[in-house]
Amino acid sequence: MGNQIHNTFYTPLGLVNVEHLAHGSLHLDWEGMHIYVDPYSDLYDYSKMKKADLILLTHAHTDHYDCKAIKDIATPNTEFIVSKGVGTCFKYDLAKLGLDVDDNEYNVDPSTNLENIFKDAHALKNCSVQVLGNGDSVKVKGIEIKATPAYNIENKRDNGKPFHLKGEGNGYILNMGGFVIYIAGDTEFIPEMAVAKGADIAFLPKNLPYTLSDEKFIEAANFIKPKNLYPVHYFELDPQVLIDGLATGICLYIDGKQYCKA
């Protein structure tokens, strides 16, 4: 932990260094601006990381909305872009309200982090927090950010509800002067991924039963056809299986190592 290999990409507005830290957690260093996605302290030590200028949170599950990791990297000047589900946690102290985990009003499910980070991180109370619903867009610190859908179609809990509810979580498209990064969030292969076609970088999740199988990961990647592709959120993977299934022209990155199909 703490010694990840980064990959550097050229954008019209400067260099961006990309690190897949662990699980669904990302760190983007764009000309000294530090952007984090879903920091997760169980698998990565954030205590010595650069402070965050911008934090993107895709959904409110505990492995994506982790208050300990956030408190390690956030400052009063950190800006947050969050999904509807995370916004509910920020606005209310759900644990204090004693909500049932099946309370439909808040789209709460058993994996939700019920904690309001502002409850015990008082220095962050005045941080800018923007809640984006699916399809919403905003420009923050020179980056155009669009929230995209991220949800399950087939994979469901024992109670019959999807692991990820439509409308509760986000993926994100970041546009840096025409250089496009797609962060899919926790999702299956869904039609709305069409908005990310031709992205310069795509981060797609790969683990069952929560997101994509190997086959669906390959299908989604070939549908989007990004120039550069990172699997995230995986428990295990075989790079050769993925690269064999990918269309030509897609470069795969795993632990910083590049695999390009001729």
C-alpha atoms as a PDB file:
ATOM      1  CA  MET A   1       0.000   0.000   0.000  1.00  0.00           C
ATOM      2  CA  GLY A   2       1.214   3.473  -0.851  1.00  0.00           C
ATOM      3  CA  ASN A   3       3.597   2.433  -3.629  1.00  0.00           C
ATOM      4  CA  GLN A   4       1.275   2.079  -6.563  1.00  0.00           C
ATOM      5  CA  ILE A   5       2.548   2.484 -10.112  1.00  0.00           C
ATOM      6  CA  HIS A   6       0.976   5.362 -11.980  1.00  0.00           C
ATOM      7  CA  ASN A   7       0.428   5.779 -15.694  1.00  0.00           C
ATOM      8  CA  THR A   8       0.773   9.177 -17.345  1.00  0.00           C
ATOM      9  CA  PHE A   9      -1.525  10.435 -20.090  1.00  0.00           C
ATOM     10  CA  TYR A  10      -1.454  13.637 -22.119  1.00  0.00           C
ATOM     11  CA  THR A  11      -4.544  15.838 -22.154  1.00  0.00           C
ATOM     12  CA  PRO A  12      -5.014  19.145 -24.026  1.00  0.00           C
ATOM     13  CA  LEU A  13      -4.803  20.822 -20.614  1.00  0.00           C
ATOM     14  CA  GLY A  14      -1.750  19.068 -19.200  1.00  0.00           C
ATOM     15  CA  LEU A  15      -0.604  15.691 -17.894  1.00  0.00           C
ATOM     16  CA  VAL A  16      -2.768  13.411 -15.796  1.00  0.00           C
ATOM     17  CA  ASN A  17      -1.218  10.662 -13.688  1.00  0.00           C
ATOM     18  CA  VAL A  18      -3.575   7.763 -13.025  1.00  0.00           C
ATOM     19  CA  GLU A  19      -3.382   5.304 -10.131  1.00  0.00           C
ATOM     20  CA  HIS A  20      -5.742   2.456  -9.359  1.00  0.00           C
ATOM     21  CA  LEU A  21      -5.132   2.282  -5.624  1.00  0.00           C
ATOM     22  CA  ALA A  22      -7.297  -0.702  -4.674  1.00  0.00           C
ATOM     23  CA  HIS A  23     -10.818  -2.000  -5.160  1.00  0.00           C
ATOM     24  CA  GLY A  24     -12.819   0.827  -6.810  1.00  0.00           C
ATOM     25  CA  SER A  25     -10.469   3.535  -5.499  1.00  0.00           C
ATOM     26  CA  LEU A  26      -8.666   5.852  -7.905  1.00  0.00           C
ATOM     27  CA  HIS A  27      -6.246   8.751  -7.641  1.00  0.00           C
ATOM     28  CA  LEU A  28      -5.835  11.204 -10.512  1.00  0.00           C
ATOM     29  CA  ASP A  29      -3.111  13.850 -10.335  1.00  0.00           C
ATOM     30  CA  TRP A  30      -3.935  16.410 -13.009  1.00  0.00           C
ATOM     31  CA  GLU A  31      -1.131  18.978 -13.077  1.00  0.00           C
ATOM     32  CA  GLY A  32      -0.999  19.018  -9.270  1.00  0.00           C
ATOM     33  CA  MET A  33      -4.746  18.811  -8.724  1.00  0.00           C
ATOM     34  CA  HIS A  34      -5.520  15.702  -6.679  1.00  0.00           C
ATOM     35  CA  ILE A  35      -8.751  13.920  -7.510  1.00  0.00           C
ATOM     36  CA  TYR A  36      -9.908  10.826  -5.633  1.00  0.00           C
ATOM     37  CA  VAL A  37     -12.699   8.405  -6.477  1.00  0.00           C
ATOM     38  CA  ASP A  38     -14.259   6.219  -3.757  1.00  0.00           C
ATOM     39  CA  PRO A  39     -11.337   6.202  -1.298  1.00  0.00           C
ATOM     40  CA  TYR A  40     -11.450   3.002   0.787  1.00  0.00           C
ATOM     41  CA  SER A  41      -9.258   2.661   3.877  1.00  0.00           C
ATOM     42  CA  ASP A  42      -9.681  -1.094   4.412  1.00  0.00           C
ATOM     43  CA  LEU A  43      -7.393  -1.773   1.451  1.00  0.00           C
ATOM     44  CA  TYR A  44      -5.288   1.382   1.229  1.00  0.00           C
ATOM     45  CA  ASP A  45      -3.606   3.752   3.691  1.00  0.00           C
ATOM     46  CA  TYR A  46      -4.606   7.330   2.876  1.00  0.00           C
ATOM     47  CA  SER A  47      -2.906   8.940   5.850  1.00  0.00           C
ATOM     48  CA  LYS A  48       0.180   9.924   3.826  1.00  0.00           C
ATOM     49  CA  MET A  49      -1.554  10.688   0.543  1.00  0.00           C
ATOM     50  CA  LYS A  50      -1.756  14.183  -0.916  1.00  0.00           C
ATOM     51  CA  LYS A  51      -4.771  16.136   0.271  1.00  0.00           C
ATOM     52  CA  ALA A  52      -7.769  16.056  -2.023  1.00  0.00           C
ATOM     53  CA  ASP A  53      -8.879  18.960  -4.181  1.00  0.00           C
ATOM     54  CA  LEU A  54     -11.851  16.956  -5.421  1.00  0.00           C
ATOM     55  CA  ILE A  55     -13.495  13.735  -4.218  1.00  0.00           C
ATOM     56  CA  LEU A  56     -16.005  11.822  -6.331  1.00  0.00           C
ATOM     57  CA  LEU A  57     -18.237   9.289  -4.580  1.00  0.00           C
ATOM     58  CA  THR A  58     -20.215   6.886  -6.732  1.00  0.00           C
ATOM     59  CA  HIS A  59     -22.585   5.391  -4.161  1.00  0.00           C
ATOM     60  CA  ALA A  60     -23.156   4.927  -0.436  1.00  0.00           C
ATOM     61  CA  HIS A  61     -21.954   1.360   0.084  1.00  0.00           C
ATOM     62  CA  THR A  62     -19.329   1.151   2.808  1.00  0.00           C
ATOM     63  CA  ASP A  63     -16.556   0.153   0.387  1.00  0.00           C
ATOM     64  CA  HIS A  64     -17.127   3.325  -1.655  1.00  0.00           C
ATOM     65  CA  TYR A  65     -18.332   5.882   0.889  1.00  0.00           C
ATOM     66  CA  ASP A  66     -15.700   5.422   3.614  1.00  0.00           C
ATOM     67  CA  CYS A  67     -15.601   8.220   6.181  1.00  0.00           C
ATOM     68  CA  LYS A  68     -12.210   7.209   7.594  1.00  0.00           C
ATOM     69  CA  ALA A  69     -10.504   7.464   4.213  1.00  0.00           C
ATOM     70  CA  ILE A  70     -12.263  10.732   3.447  1.00  0.00           C
ATOM     71  CA  LYS A  71     -11.149  12.273   6.734  1.00  0.00           C
ATOM     72  CA  ASP A  72      -7.527  11.365   5.930  1.00  0.00           C
ATOM     73  CA  ILE A  73      -7.470  13.293   2.648  1.00  0.00           C
ATOM     74  CA  ALA A  74     -10.192  15.978   2.829  1.00  0.00           C
ATOM     75  CA  THR A  75      -9.699  19.585   3.923  1.00  0.00           C
ATOM     76  CA  PRO A  76     -12.155  22.471   4.323  1.00  0.00           C
ATOM     77  CA  ASN A  77     -11.321  23.378   0.707  1.00  0.00           C
ATOM     78  CA  THR A  78     -12.032  19.936  -0.745  1.00  0.00           C
ATOM     79  CA  GLU A  79     -14.971  19.810  -3.132  1.00  0.00           C
ATOM     80  CA  PHE A  80     -17.260  16.785  -3.318  1.00  0.00           C
ATOM     81  CA  ILE A  81     -19.302  15.423  -6.196  1.00  0.00           C
ATOM     82  CA  VAL A  82     -21.615  12.700  -4.920  1.00  0.00           C
ATOM     83  CA  SER A  83     -24.532  10.525  -5.979  1.00  0.00           C
ATOM     84  CA  LYS A  84     -28.096  10.754  -4.716  1.00  0.00           C
ATOM     85  CA  GLY A  85     -27.505   7.951  -2.217  1.00  0.00           C
ATOM     86  CA  VAL A  86     -24.362   9.543  -0.777  1.00  0.00           C
ATOM     87  CA  GLY A  87     -26.074  12.922  -0.709  1.00  0.00           C
ATOM     88  CA  THR A  88     -28.742  11.458   1.556  1.00  0.00           C
ATOM     89  CA  CYS A  89     -26.044  10.272   3.973  1.00  0.00           C
ATOM     90  CA  PHE A  90     -24.364  13.691   3.910  1.00  0.00           C
ATOM     91  CA  LYS A  91     -27.624  15.525   4.549  1.00  0.00           C
ATOM     92  CA  TYR A  92     -28.936  13.294   7.302  1.00  0.00           C
ATOM     93  CA  ASP A  93     -27.458  11.204  10.081  1.00  0.00           C
ATOM     94  CA  LEU A  94     -29.184   8.016   8.995  1.00  0.00           C
ATOM     95  CA  ALA A  95     -27.718   5.980  11.836  1.00  0.00           C
ATOM     96  CA  LYS A  96     -29.074   8.452  14.392  1.00  0.00           C
ATOM     97  CA  LEU A  97     -32.469   8.366  12.698  1.00  0.00           C
ATOM     98  CA  GLY A  98     -32.429   4.610  13.213  1.00  0.00           C
ATOM     99  CA  LEU A  99     -33.668   3.842   9.725  1.00  0.00           C
ATOM    100  CA  ASP A 100     -34.460   0.313   8.767  1.00  0.00           C
ATOM    101  CA  VAL A 101     -32.038  -0.869   6.092  1.00  0.00           C
ATOM    102  CA  ASP A 102     -34.998  -1.600   3.826  1.00  0.00           C
ATOM    103  CA  ASP A 103     -36.443   1.920   4.141  1.00  0.00           C
ATOM    104  CA  ASN A 104     -37.392   2.688   0.527  1.00  0.00           C
ATOM    105  CA  GLU A 105     -37.714   6.436   1.102  1.00  0.00           C
ATOM    106  CA  TYR A 106     -33.924   6.709   1.295  1.00  0.00           C
ATOM    107  CA  ASN A 107     -33.050   3.784  -0.967  1.00  0.00           C
ATOM    108  CA  VAL A 108     -31.154   2.307   1.950  1.00  0.00           C
ATOM    109  CA  ASP A 109     -29.897  -1.253   1.616  1.00  0.00           C
ATOM    110  CA  PRO A 110     -27.802  -3.490   3.888  1.00  0.00           C
ATOM    111  CA  SER A 111     -24.475  -2.318   2.413  1.00  0.00           C
ATOM    112  CA  THR A 112     -25.128   1.397   2.921  1.00  0.00           C
ATOM    113  CA  ASN A 113     -22.872   3.475   5.137  1.00  0.00           C
ATOM    114  CA  LEU A 114     -25.416   5.195   7.370  1.00  0.00           C
ATOM    115  CA  GLU A 115     -22.909   7.695   8.777  1.00  0.00           C
ATOM    116  CA  ASN A 116     -23.019  11.418   7.994  1.00  0.00           C
ATOM    117  CA  ILE A 117     -19.347  12.368   7.659  1.00  0.00           C
ATOM    118  CA  PHE A 118     -20.034  15.918   8.865  1.00  0.00           C
ATOM    119  CA  LYS A 119     -21.182  14.533  12.220  1.00  0.00           C
ATOM    120  CA  ASP A 120     -17.613  13.887  13.412  1.00  0.00           C
ATOM    121  CA  ALA A 121     -15.466  15.691  10.820  1.00  0.00           C
ATOM    122  CA  HIS A 122     -16.362  19.230  11.814  1.00  0.00           C
ATOM    123  CA  ALA A 123     -13.595  20.803   9.732  1.00  0.00           C
ATOM    124  CA  LEU A 124     -15.423  19.611   6.617  1.00  0.00           C
ATOM    125  CA  LYS A 125     -18.805  21.134   7.445  1.00  0.00           C
ATOM    126  CA  ASN A 126     -18.371  23.985   4.961  1.00  0.00           C
ATOM    127  CA  CYS A 127     -17.012  21.890   2.099  1.00  0.00           C
ATOM    128  CA  SER A 128     -18.728  22.316  -1.236  1.00  0.00           C
ATOM    129  CA  VAL A 129     -20.906  19.244  -1.869  1.00  0.00           C
ATOM    130  CA  GLN A 130     -22.773  18.870  -5.145  1.00  0.00           C
ATOM    131  CA  VAL A 131     -25.243  16.031  -5.517  1.00  0.00           C
ATOM    132  CA  LEU A 132     -25.619  14.893  -9.110  1.00  0.00           C
ATOM    133  CA  GLY A 133     -28.464  12.728 -10.309  1.00  0.00           C
ATOM    134  CA  ASN A 134     -28.020  10.473 -13.324  1.00  0.00           C
ATOM    135  CA  GLY A 135     -27.591  12.722 -16.359  1.00  0.00           C
ATOM    136  CA  ASP A 136     -26.685  15.858 -14.399  1.00  0.00           C
ATOM    137  CA  SER A 137     -23.548  17.812 -15.317  1.00  0.00           C
ATOM    138  CA  VAL A 138     -21.378  20.385 -13.598  1.00  0.00           C
ATOM    139  CA  LYS A 139     -18.016  22.074 -14.152  1.00  0.00           C
ATOM    140  CA  VAL A 140     -15.634  21.899 -11.200  1.00  0.00           C
ATOM    141  CA  LYS A 141     -12.046  23.144 -11.120  1.00  0.00           C
ATOM    142  CA  GLY A 142     -11.917  23.236 -14.925  1.00  0.00           C
ATOM    143  CA  ILE A 143     -13.289  19.704 -15.369  1.00  0.00           C
ATOM    144  CA  GLU A 144     -16.657  19.015 -16.961  1.00  0.00           C
ATOM    145  CA  ILE A 145     -18.256  16.222 -14.945  1.00  0.00           C
ATOM    146  CA  LYS A 146     -21.341  14.273 -16.012  1.00  0.00           C
ATOM    147  CA  ALA A 147     -23.074  11.722 -13.796  1.00  0.00           C
ATOM    148  CA  THR A 148     -24.030   8.521 -15.606  1.00  0.00           C
ATOM    149  CA  PRO A 149     -26.285   5.651 -14.487  1.00  0.00           C
ATOM    150  CA  ALA A 150     -24.743   2.707 -12.627  1.00  0.00           C
ATOM    151  CA  TYR A 151     -26.996  -0.149 -11.572  1.00  0.00           C
ATOM    152  CA  ASN A 152     -27.780  -3.859 -11.667  1.00  0.00           C
ATOM    153  CA  ILE A 153     -30.219  -5.449 -14.077  1.00  0.00           C
ATOM    154  CA  GLU A 154     -29.891  -9.142 -13.238  1.00  0.00           C
ATOM    155  CA  ASN A 155     -27.814  -9.467 -10.066  1.00  0.00           C
ATOM    156  CA  LYS A 156     -29.948  -9.186  -6.914  1.00  0.00           C
ATOM    157  CA  ARG A 157     -29.857  -9.718  -3.173  1.00  0.00           C
ATOM    158  CA  ASP A 158     -31.737 -12.456  -1.381  1.00  0.00           C
ATOM    159  CA  ASN A 159     -34.528  -9.949  -0.727  1.00  0.00           C
ATOM    160  CA  GLY A 160     -35.035  -9.509  -4.476  1.00  0.00           C
ATOM    161  CA  LYS A 161     -33.573  -6.008  -4.685  1.00  0.00           C
ATOM    162  CA  PRO A 162     -30.658  -5.263  -7.049  1.00  0.00           C
ATOM    163  CA  PHE A 163     -27.248  -4.912  -5.438  1.00  0.00           C
ATOM    164  CA  HIS A 164     -27.174  -1.406  -6.923  1.00  0.00           C
ATOM    165  CA  LEU A 165     -30.438   0.450  -7.404  1.00  0.00           C
ATOM    166  CA  LYS A 166     -31.046   2.499 -10.533  1.00  0.00           C
ATOM    167  CA  GLY A 167     -30.832   6.210  -9.712  1.00  0.00           C
ATOM    168  CA  GLU A 168     -29.101   5.754  -6.344  1.00  0.00           C
ATOM    169  CA  GLY A 169     -25.531   5.522  -7.636  1.00  0.00           C
ATOM    170  CA  ASN A 170     -23.467   7.240 -10.306  1.00  0.00           C
ATOM    171  CA  GLY A 171     -20.756   6.609 -12.787  1.00  0.00           C
ATOM    172  CA  TYR A 172     -18.889   9.719 -13.944  1.00  0.00           C
ATOM    173  CA  ILE A 173     -17.524  11.112 -17.173  1.00  0.00           C
ATOM    174  CA  LEU A 174     -14.696  13.597 -16.704  1.00  0.00           C
ATOM    175  CA  ASN A 175     -13.842  15.838 -19.645  1.00  0.00           C
ATOM    176  CA  MET A 176     -10.434  17.520 -19.414  1.00  0.00           C
ATOM    177  CA  GLY A 177     -10.385  19.777 -22.429  1.00  0.00           C
ATOM    178  CA  GLY A 178     -11.575  16.969 -24.696  1.00  0.00           C
ATOM    179  CA  PHE A 179      -9.719  14.146 -22.948  1.00  0.00           C
ATOM    180  CA  VAL A 180     -12.508  11.914 -21.655  1.00  0.00           C
ATOM    181  CA  ILE A 181     -12.319   9.606 -18.632  1.00  0.00           C
ATOM    182  CA  TYR A 182     -15.202   7.249 -17.873  1.00  0.00           C
ATOM    183  CA  ILE A 183     -15.561   5.911 -14.330  1.00  0.00           C
ATOM    184  CA  ALA A 184     -18.355   3.365 -14.554  1.00  0.00           C
ATOM    185  CA  GLY A 185     -19.059   2.911 -10.837  1.00  0.00           C
ATOM    186  CA  ASP A 186     -20.635  -0.308  -9.624  1.00  0.00           C
ATOM    187  CA  THR A 187     -22.757  -1.454 -12.530  1.00  0.00           C
ATOM    188  CA  GLU A 188     -23.597  -4.237 -14.905  1.00  0.00           C
ATOM    189  CA  PHE A 189     -23.367  -3.780 -18.673  1.00  0.00           C
ATOM    190  CA  ILE A 190     -26.155  -1.274 -19.288  1.00  0.00           C
ATOM    191  CA  PRO A 191     -27.321   0.551 -22.445  1.00  0.00           C
ATOM    192  CA  GLU A 192     -26.449   3.939 -20.949  1.00  0.00           C
ATOM    193  CA  MET A 193     -22.752   3.102 -21.327  1.00  0.00           C
ATOM    194  CA  ALA A 194     -23.143   4.340 -24.901  1.00  0.00           C
ATOM    195  CA  VAL A 195     -22.445   7.861 -23.640  1.00  0.00           C
ATOM    196  CA  ALA A 196     -18.850   6.779 -22.933  1.00  0.00           C
ATOM    197  CA  LYS A 197     -18.082   5.374 -26.386  1.00  0.00           C
ATOM    198  CA  GLY A 198     -14.568   6.236 -27.519  1.00  0.00           C
ATOM    199  CA  ALA A 199     -13.406   7.444 -24.097  1.00  0.00           C
ATOM    200  CA  ASP A 200      -9.689   7.988 -23.688  1.00  0.00           C
ATOM    201  CA  ILE A 201      -9.733   6.019 -20.418  1.00  0.00           C
ATOM    202  CA  ALA A 202     -12.433   3.761 -18.987  1.00  0.00           C
ATOM    203  CA  PHE A 203     -12.556   2.184 -15.532  1.00  0.00           C
ATOM    204  CA  LEU A 204     -14.900  -0.809 -15.503  1.00  0.00           C
ATOM    205  CA  PRO A 205     -15.720  -3.012 -12.482  1.00  0.00           C
ATOM    206  CA  LYS A 206     -15.188  -6.756 -12.654  1.00  0.00           C
ATOM    207  CA  ASN A 207     -16.578  -9.000  -9.940  1.00  0.00           C
ATOM    208  CA  LEU A 208     -19.602 -11.206  -9.460  1.00  0.00           C
ATOM    209  CA  PRO A 209     -22.285 -11.070  -8.278  1.00  0.00           C
ATOM    210  CA  TYR A 210     -22.064  -7.317  -7.814  1.00  0.00           C
ATOM    211  CA  THR A 211     -20.872  -6.034 -11.201  1.00  0.00           C
ATOM    212  CA  LEU A 212     -19.394  -7.622 -14.351  1.00  0.00           C
ATOM    213  CA  SER A 213     -18.256 -11.144 -15.118  1.00  0.00           C
ATOM    214  CA  ASP A 214     -15.229 -11.609 -17.390  1.00  0.00           C
ATOM    215  CA  GLU A 215     -17.564 -12.087 -20.341  1.00  0.00           C
ATOM    216  CA  LYS A 216     -19.682  -9.023 -19.578  1.00  0.00           C
ATOM    217  CA  PHE A 217     -16.579  -6.939 -18.852  1.00  0.00           C
ATOM    218  CA  ILE A 218     -15.241  -7.809 -22.306  1.00  0.00           C
ATOM    219  CA  GLU A 219     -18.624  -7.148 -23.909  1.00  0.00           C
ATOM    220  CA  ALA A 220     -18.925  -3.756 -22.216  1.00  0.00           C
ATOM    221  CA  ALA A 221     -15.348  -2.806 -23.118  1.00  0.00           C
ATOM    222  CA  ASN A 222     -15.824  -3.714 -26.773  1.00  0.00           C
ATOM    223  CA  PHE A 223     -19.078  -1.752 -26.792  1.00  0.00           C
ATOM    224  CA  ILE A 224     -17.390   1.379 -25.411  1.00  0.00           C
ATOM    225  CA  LYS A 225     -14.042   0.845 -27.154  1.00  0.00           C
ATOM    226  CA  PRO A 226     -11.940   3.110 -24.951  1.00  0.00           C
ATOM    227  CA  LYS A 227      -8.347   3.715 -25.898  1.00  0.00           C
ATOM    228  CA  ASN A 228      -7.187   2.697 -22.427  1.00  0.00           C
ATOM    229  CA  LEU A 229      -8.983   0.347 -20.040  1.00  0.00           C
ATOM    230  CA  TYR A 230      -8.619  -0.357 -16.328  1.00  0.00           C
ATOM    231  CA  PRO A 231     -10.436  -3.215 -14.572  1.00  0.00           C
ATOM    232  CA  VAL A 232     -11.293  -2.226 -11.006  1.00  0.00           C
ATOM    233  CA  HIS A 233     -13.214  -3.667  -8.055  1.00  0.00           C
ATOM    234  CA  TYR A 234     -11.985  -7.180  -8.858  1.00  0.00           C
ATOM    235  CA  PHE A 235     -11.128  -9.985  -6.462  1.00  0.00           C
ATOM    236  CA  GLU A 236      -9.037 -11.843  -9.025  1.00  0.00           C
ATOM    237  CA  LEU A 237      -8.478 -11.715 -12.753  1.00  0.00           C
ATOM    238  CA  ASP A 238      -6.515 -13.295 -15.572  1.00  0.00           C
ATOM    239  CA  PRO A 239      -5.063 -10.568 -17.833  1.00  0.00           C
ATOM    240  CA  GLN A 240      -4.741 -13.002 -20.737  1.00  0.00           C
ATOM    241  CA  VAL A 241      -8.435 -13.907 -20.639  1.00  0.00           C
ATOM    242  CA  LEU A 242      -9.351 -10.243 -20.854  1.00  0.00           C
ATOM    243  CA  ILE A 243      -6.854  -9.236 -23.517  1.00  0.00           C
ATOM    244  CA  ASP A 244      -7.819 -12.220 -25.673  1.00  0.00           C
ATOM    245  CA  GLY A 245     -11.421 -11.033 -25.705  1.00  0.00           C
ATOM    246  CA  LEU A 246     -10.781  -7.333 -26.218  1.00  0.00           C
ATOM    247  CA  ALA A 247     -11.000  -5.650 -29.593  1.00  0.00           C
ATOM    248  CA  THR A 248      -7.773  -4.399 -31.135  1.00  0.00           C
ATOM    249  CA  GLY A 249      -6.859  -0.859 -30.215  1.00  0.00           C
ATOM    250  CA  ILE A 250      -7.757  -1.176 -26.530  1.00  0.00           C
ATOM    251  CA  CYS A 251      -4.827  -1.068 -24.106  1.00  0.00           C
ATOM    252  CA  LEU A 252      -5.453  -2.845 -20.805  1.00  0.00           C
ATOM    253  CA  TYR A 253      -3.772  -1.692 -17.558  1.00  0.00           C
ATOM    254  CA  ILE A 254      -3.415  -3.890 -14.495  1.00  0.00           C
ATOM    255  CA  ASP A 255      -1.287  -2.737 -11.525  1.00  0.00           C
ATOM    256  CA  GLY A 256       0.248  -0.143 -13.816  1.00  0.00           C
ATOM    257  CA  LYS A 257       1.342  -2.721 -16.415  1.00  0.00           C
ATOM    258  CA  GLN A 258       0.143  -2.173 -19.965  1.00  0.00           C
ATOM    259  CA  TYR A 259      -1.200  -4.971 -22.162  1.00  0.00           C
ATOM    260  CA  CYS A 260      -1.937  -3.928 -25.761  1.00  0.00           C
ATOM    261  CA  LYS A 261      -3.427  -6.216 -28.355  1.00  0.00           C
ATOM    262  CA  ALA A 262      -1.760  -5.876 -31.736  1.00  0.00           C
END
